[in-house]
Amino acid sequence: MAYDKKKDHIMWSSEPSEVGLIARIFKYGDTGKPKLGFVRQYEDHEGEVKERNGGRLDSADLGFFGAIYPQVHKQMKLIAAGNGGDQFQYADEIDPDDAISESGESIYDMEGDE
């Protein structure tokens, strides 16, 4: 079955960290397992806030992850149980220009599994 962007949902999203990292829980369709992903916010040369693939994590990023882990774990359990989450957003509401990884590929192409 081919990937359908309309079925990919952001179920929960953290606030941006000091290093610009954002944790998000995604779910594909009604039956997909909740999965954790990261994006990194940055400001472009025109001052616009954009997002890109989270990339590799350094120790400051791991500190952010350690601080939000209990909240992420709780949200994933709620979503898996069918009890929603704190935020719900269709992935197609994200500006496609903000969904490009450092390699220039769509981050949606990287979410190959369901």
N, C-alpha and C. Protein backbone atom coordinates (compact mmCIF):
# COMPACT_ATOMS: atom_id res chain seq x y z
N MET A 1 0.84 -1.17 0.00
CA MET A 1 0.00 0.00 0.00
C MET A 1 0.89 1.24 0.00
N ALA A 2 0.57 2.19 -0.85
CA ALA A 2 1.35 3.42 -0.98
C ALA A 2 1.06 4.38 0.17
N TYR A 3 2.04 5.16 0.50
CA TYR A 3 1.90 6.16 1.55
C TYR A 3 0.89 7.22 1.12
N ASP A 4 -0.03 7.58 2.02
CA ASP A 4 -1.03 8.62 1.76
C ASP A 4 -0.85 9.71 2.80
N LYS A 5 -0.37 10.86 2.37
CA LYS A 5 -0.07 11.98 3.28
C LYS A 5 -1.29 12.39 4.10
N LYS A 6 -2.49 12.23 3.53
CA LYS A 6 -3.72 12.64 4.23
C LYS A 6 -4.01 11.77 5.44
N LYS A 7 -3.41 10.58 5.50
CA LYS A 7 -3.64 9.68 6.63
C LYS A 7 -2.64 9.88 7.76
N ASP A 8 -1.60 10.68 7.53
CA ASP A 8 -0.55 10.89 8.53
C ASP A 8 -0.97 12.05 9.43
N HIS A 9 -1.04 11.79 10.72
CA HIS A 9 -1.51 12.79 11.67
C HIS A 9 -0.45 13.08 12.73
N ILE A 10 -0.34 14.34 13.11
CA ILE A 10 0.45 14.71 14.28
C ILE A 10 -0.54 14.70 15.44
N MET A 11 -0.33 13.77 16.36
CA MET A 11 -1.25 13.60 17.48
C MET A 11 -0.90 14.48 18.67
N TRP A 12 0.39 14.79 18.80
CA TRP A 12 0.87 15.59 19.93
C TRP A 12 2.18 16.23 19.53
N SER A 13 2.41 17.44 20.04
CA SER A 13 3.65 18.14 19.75
C SER A 13 4.11 18.89 21.00
N SER A 14 5.40 18.80 21.29
CA SER A 14 5.95 19.53 22.43
C SER A 14 6.19 20.99 22.03
N GLU A 15 6.48 21.79 23.01
CA GLU A 15 6.92 23.16 22.75
C GLU A 15 8.37 23.09 22.27
N PRO A 16 8.81 24.05 21.48
CA PRO A 16 10.22 24.03 21.05
C PRO A 16 11.16 24.14 22.25
N SER A 17 12.26 23.41 22.20
CA SER A 17 13.26 23.48 23.25
C SER A 17 14.18 24.67 22.99
N GLU A 18 15.09 24.92 23.93
CA GLU A 18 16.06 26.00 23.75
C GLU A 18 16.94 25.77 22.53
N VAL A 19 17.14 24.52 22.15
CA VAL A 19 17.98 24.20 21.00
C VAL A 19 17.15 24.05 19.72
N GLY A 20 15.85 24.34 19.81
CA GLY A 20 14.98 24.31 18.65
C GLY A 20 14.37 22.96 18.33
N LEU A 21 14.63 21.96 19.15
CA LEU A 21 14.11 20.62 18.89
C LEU A 21 12.66 20.53 19.36
N ILE A 22 11.82 19.88 18.56
CA ILE A 22 10.42 19.66 18.91
C ILE A 22 10.15 18.16 18.78
N ALA A 23 9.55 17.58 19.81
CA ALA A 23 9.14 16.18 19.76
C ALA A 23 7.70 16.12 19.29
N ARG A 24 7.41 15.17 18.40
CA ARG A 24 6.05 14.99 17.91
C ARG A 24 5.70 13.52 17.88
N ILE A 25 4.45 13.24 18.22
CA ILE A 25 3.95 11.87 18.11
C ILE A 25 3.06 11.83 16.87
N PHE A 26 3.41 10.94 15.95
CA PHE A 26 2.68 10.77 14.70
C PHE A 26 1.88 9.47 14.76
N LYS A 27 0.79 9.45 14.02
CA LYS A 27 0.02 8.22 13.86
C LYS A 27 -0.48 8.18 12.42
N TYR A 28 -0.31 7.04 11.79
CA TYR A 28 -0.72 6.88 10.39
C TYR A 28 -2.07 6.18 10.35
N GLY A 29 -3.08 6.88 9.85
CA GLY A 29 -4.42 6.31 9.72
C GLY A 29 -5.02 5.97 11.08
N ASP A 30 -6.03 5.11 11.05
CA ASP A 30 -6.72 4.74 12.29
C ASP A 30 -6.04 3.59 13.02
N THR A 31 -5.24 2.82 12.31
CA THR A 31 -4.66 1.61 12.91
C THR A 31 -3.16 1.69 13.15
N GLY A 32 -2.51 2.75 12.68
CA GLY A 32 -1.06 2.87 12.87
C GLY A 32 -0.69 3.05 14.32
N LYS A 33 0.48 2.55 14.68
CA LYS A 33 0.99 2.72 16.04
C LYS A 33 1.50 4.15 16.20
N PRO A 34 1.33 4.76 17.38
CA PRO A 34 1.93 6.07 17.59
C PRO A 34 3.46 5.95 17.57
N LYS A 35 4.11 6.91 16.88
CA LYS A 35 5.57 6.89 16.77
C LYS A 35 6.11 8.27 17.05
N LEU A 36 7.25 8.31 17.71
CA LEU A 36 7.90 9.55 18.09
C LEU A 36 8.83 10.01 16.98
N GLY A 37 8.77 11.29 16.66
CA GLY A 37 9.66 11.90 15.68
C GLY A 37 10.11 13.26 16.18
N PHE A 38 11.18 13.77 15.61
CA PHE A 38 11.71 15.07 16.01
C PHE A 38 11.85 15.96 14.79
N VAL A 39 11.57 17.24 14.97
CA VAL A 39 11.89 18.26 13.97
C VAL A 39 12.68 19.34 14.69
N ARG A 40 13.40 20.12 13.93
CA ARG A 40 14.19 21.20 14.51
C ARG A 40 13.74 22.51 13.88
N GLN A 41 13.39 23.49 14.73
CA GLN A 41 13.03 24.81 14.23
C GLN A 41 14.28 25.64 14.04
N TYR A 42 14.25 26.49 13.02
CA TYR A 42 15.35 27.41 12.79
C TYR A 42 14.79 28.66 12.14
N GLU A 43 15.54 29.71 12.17
CA GLU A 43 15.14 30.96 11.54
C GLU A 43 15.94 31.13 10.26
N ASP A 44 15.23 31.33 9.13
CA ASP A 44 15.94 31.49 7.86
C ASP A 44 16.49 32.91 7.73
N HIS A 45 17.17 33.18 6.64
CA HIS A 45 17.83 34.48 6.45
C HIS A 45 16.85 35.64 6.36
N GLU A 46 15.56 35.34 6.14
CA GLU A 46 14.53 36.39 6.10
C GLU A 46 13.81 36.54 7.43
N GLY A 47 14.22 35.77 8.42
CA GLY A 47 13.64 35.85 9.76
C GLY A 47 12.41 34.98 9.96
N GLU A 48 12.07 34.14 8.98
CA GLU A 48 10.92 33.25 9.12
C GLU A 48 11.34 32.00 9.88
N VAL A 49 10.46 31.53 10.77
CA VAL A 49 10.71 30.30 11.51
C VAL A 49 10.30 29.13 10.62
N LYS A 50 11.21 28.22 10.38
CA LYS A 50 10.98 27.05 9.54
C LYS A 50 11.30 25.80 10.35
N GLU A 51 10.96 24.64 9.79
CA GLU A 51 11.27 23.36 10.43
C GLU A 51 11.99 22.47 9.44
N ARG A 52 12.85 21.62 9.98
CA ARG A 52 13.55 20.62 9.18
C ARG A 52 13.65 19.35 10.00
N ASN A 53 14.16 18.32 9.40
CA ASN A 53 14.35 17.05 10.08
C ASN A 53 15.19 17.27 11.34
N GLY A 54 14.88 16.55 12.40
CA GLY A 54 15.60 16.70 13.66
C GLY A 54 17.07 16.36 13.57
N GLY A 55 17.43 15.47 12.66
CA GLY A 55 18.83 15.10 12.49
C GLY A 55 19.40 14.36 13.70
N ARG A 56 20.69 14.45 13.87
CA ARG A 56 21.37 13.78 14.98
C ARG A 56 21.22 14.60 16.25
N LEU A 57 21.21 13.92 17.39
CA LEU A 57 21.01 14.57 18.67
C LEU A 57 22.33 14.74 19.41
N ASP A 58 22.57 15.94 19.93
CA ASP A 58 23.75 16.15 20.77
C ASP A 58 23.33 16.07 22.23
N SER A 59 24.23 16.36 23.16
CA SER A 59 23.90 16.20 24.58
C SER A 59 22.82 17.18 25.04
N ALA A 60 22.77 18.40 24.48
CA ALA A 60 21.70 19.33 24.84
C ALA A 60 20.35 18.80 24.36
N ASP A 61 20.32 18.20 23.17
CA ASP A 61 19.09 17.61 22.66
C ASP A 61 18.64 16.45 23.54
N LEU A 62 19.60 15.62 23.97
CA LEU A 62 19.27 14.50 24.84
C LEU A 62 18.74 14.99 26.18
N GLY A 63 19.26 16.11 26.66
CA GLY A 63 18.74 16.70 27.89
C GLY A 63 17.28 17.09 27.74
N PHE A 64 16.93 17.67 26.58
CA PHE A 64 15.55 18.03 26.28
C PHE A 64 14.69 16.77 26.25
N PHE A 65 15.17 15.74 25.56
CA PHE A 65 14.40 14.51 25.48
C PHE A 65 14.20 13.90 26.87
N GLY A 66 15.25 13.88 27.68
CA GLY A 66 15.12 13.34 29.03
C GLY A 66 14.09 14.09 29.85
N ALA A 67 14.03 15.41 29.68
CA ALA A 67 13.08 16.23 30.45
C ALA A 67 11.63 15.98 30.02
N ILE A 68 11.41 15.71 28.73
CA ILE A 68 10.02 15.54 28.28
C ILE A 68 9.60 14.08 28.17
N TYR A 69 10.52 13.15 28.42
CA TYR A 69 10.20 11.73 28.26
C TYR A 69 8.94 11.31 29.01
N PRO A 70 8.76 11.68 30.28
CA PRO A 70 7.54 11.23 30.97
C PRO A 70 6.26 11.71 30.27
N GLN A 71 6.27 12.93 29.78
CA GLN A 71 5.11 13.47 29.09
C GLN A 71 4.88 12.75 27.76
N VAL A 72 5.95 12.50 27.01
CA VAL A 72 5.84 11.79 25.74
C VAL A 72 5.30 10.38 25.97
N HIS A 73 5.84 9.70 26.96
CA HIS A 73 5.40 8.33 27.26
C HIS A 73 3.92 8.31 27.62
N LYS A 74 3.47 9.24 28.43
CA LYS A 74 2.05 9.34 28.82
C LYS A 74 1.17 9.57 27.59
N GLN A 75 1.57 10.50 26.72
CA GLN A 75 0.78 10.81 25.53
C GLN A 75 0.71 9.62 24.58
N MET A 76 1.82 8.91 24.42
CA MET A 76 1.82 7.75 23.52
C MET A 76 0.88 6.67 24.05
N LYS A 77 0.85 6.47 25.36
CA LYS A 77 -0.07 5.50 25.96
C LYS A 77 -1.51 5.91 25.72
N LEU A 78 -1.83 7.20 25.90
CA LEU A 78 -3.19 7.69 25.68
C LEU A 78 -3.61 7.52 24.22
N ILE A 79 -2.72 7.85 23.32
CA ILE A 79 -3.03 7.73 21.89
C ILE A 79 -3.22 6.27 21.50
N ALA A 80 -2.34 5.40 21.99
CA ALA A 80 -2.45 3.98 21.68
C ALA A 80 -3.75 3.38 22.21
N ALA A 81 -4.23 3.92 23.34
CA ALA A 81 -5.47 3.44 23.94
C ALA A 81 -6.70 4.07 23.28
N GLY A 82 -6.48 4.97 22.33
CA GLY A 82 -7.59 5.61 21.65
C GLY A 82 -8.16 6.81 22.39
N ASN A 83 -7.38 7.35 23.33
CA ASN A 83 -7.84 8.48 24.12
C ASN A 83 -7.28 9.80 23.64
N GLY A 84 -6.86 9.86 22.38
CA GLY A 84 -6.39 11.13 21.80
C GLY A 84 -5.04 11.54 22.31
N GLY A 85 -4.88 12.81 22.49
CA GLY A 85 -3.66 13.44 22.94
C GLY A 85 -3.97 14.90 23.17
N ASP A 86 -2.98 15.69 23.52
CA ASP A 86 -3.22 17.10 23.81
C ASP A 86 -3.37 17.94 22.56
N GLN A 87 -2.88 17.47 21.43
CA GLN A 87 -2.93 18.25 20.20
C GLN A 87 -3.20 17.32 19.05
N PHE A 88 -3.94 17.78 18.07
CA PHE A 88 -4.22 16.97 16.89
C PHE A 88 -4.11 17.85 15.67
N GLN A 89 -3.31 17.44 14.71
CA GLN A 89 -3.10 18.23 13.51
C GLN A 89 -2.83 17.28 12.35
N TYR A 90 -3.50 17.52 11.24
CA TYR A 90 -3.22 16.73 10.05
C TYR A 90 -1.88 17.17 9.49
N ALA A 91 -1.10 16.22 9.05
CA ALA A 91 0.22 16.55 8.50
C ALA A 91 0.10 17.44 7.27
N ASP A 92 -1.03 17.36 6.53
CA ASP A 92 -1.15 18.20 5.35
C ASP A 92 -1.41 19.66 5.70
N GLU A 93 -1.58 19.97 6.99
CA GLU A 93 -1.70 21.36 7.42
C GLU A 93 -0.33 21.99 7.62
N ILE A 94 0.72 21.18 7.52
CA ILE A 94 2.08 21.67 7.64
C ILE A 94 2.52 22.16 6.27
N ASP A 95 3.12 23.33 6.22
CA ASP A 95 3.61 23.87 4.96
C ASP A 95 4.64 22.91 4.38
N PRO A 96 4.44 22.43 3.14
CA PRO A 96 5.39 21.47 2.56
C PRO A 96 6.83 21.98 2.55
N ASP A 97 7.03 23.30 2.46
CA ASP A 97 8.38 23.84 2.49
C ASP A 97 9.04 23.62 3.85
N ASP A 98 8.23 23.42 4.88
CA ASP A 98 8.75 23.18 6.21
C ASP A 98 8.99 21.70 6.48
N ALA A 99 8.62 20.85 5.54
CA ALA A 99 8.71 19.41 5.73
C ALA A 99 9.83 18.81 4.89
N ILE A 100 10.92 19.55 4.74
CA ILE A 100 12.05 19.09 3.93
C ILE A 100 13.24 18.84 4.85
N SER A 101 13.86 17.71 4.70
CA SER A 101 15.01 17.37 5.53
C SER A 101 16.26 18.08 5.02
N GLU A 102 17.34 17.95 5.77
CA GLU A 102 18.60 18.54 5.37
C GLU A 102 19.09 17.98 4.03
N SER A 103 18.70 16.75 3.71
CA SER A 103 19.14 16.14 2.45
C SER A 103 18.32 16.62 1.27
N GLY A 104 17.28 17.43 1.53
CA GLY A 104 16.45 17.95 0.46
C GLY A 104 15.27 17.06 0.12
N GLU A 105 15.08 15.96 0.87
CA GLU A 105 13.96 15.06 0.63
C GLU A 105 12.83 15.39 1.59
N SER A 106 11.62 15.13 1.17
CA SER A 106 10.46 15.34 2.03
C SER A 106 10.58 14.43 3.25
N ILE A 107 10.25 14.95 4.42
CA ILE A 107 10.27 14.11 5.61
C ILE A 107 9.18 13.06 5.53
N TYR A 108 8.15 13.30 4.73
CA TYR A 108 7.08 12.32 4.59
C TYR A 108 7.55 11.08 3.85
N ASP A 109 8.52 11.25 2.95
CA ASP A 109 9.06 10.11 2.23
C ASP A 109 9.86 9.21 3.15
N MET A 110 10.30 9.76 4.28
CA MET A 110 11.12 9.00 5.23
C MET A 110 10.26 8.19 6.19
N GLU A 111 8.97 8.44 6.23
CA GLU A 111 8.05 7.76 7.16
C GLU A 111 7.48 6.51 6.53
N GLY A 112 8.26 5.76 5.79
CA GLY A 112 7.80 4.64 4.97
C GLY A 112 6.99 3.58 5.66
N ASP A 113 7.21 3.33 6.93
CA ASP A 113 6.45 2.26 7.57
C ASP A 113 5.20 2.80 8.25
N GLU A 114 4.25 1.92 8.47
CA GLU A 114 2.99 2.33 9.08
C GLU A 114 2.94 1.93 10.53
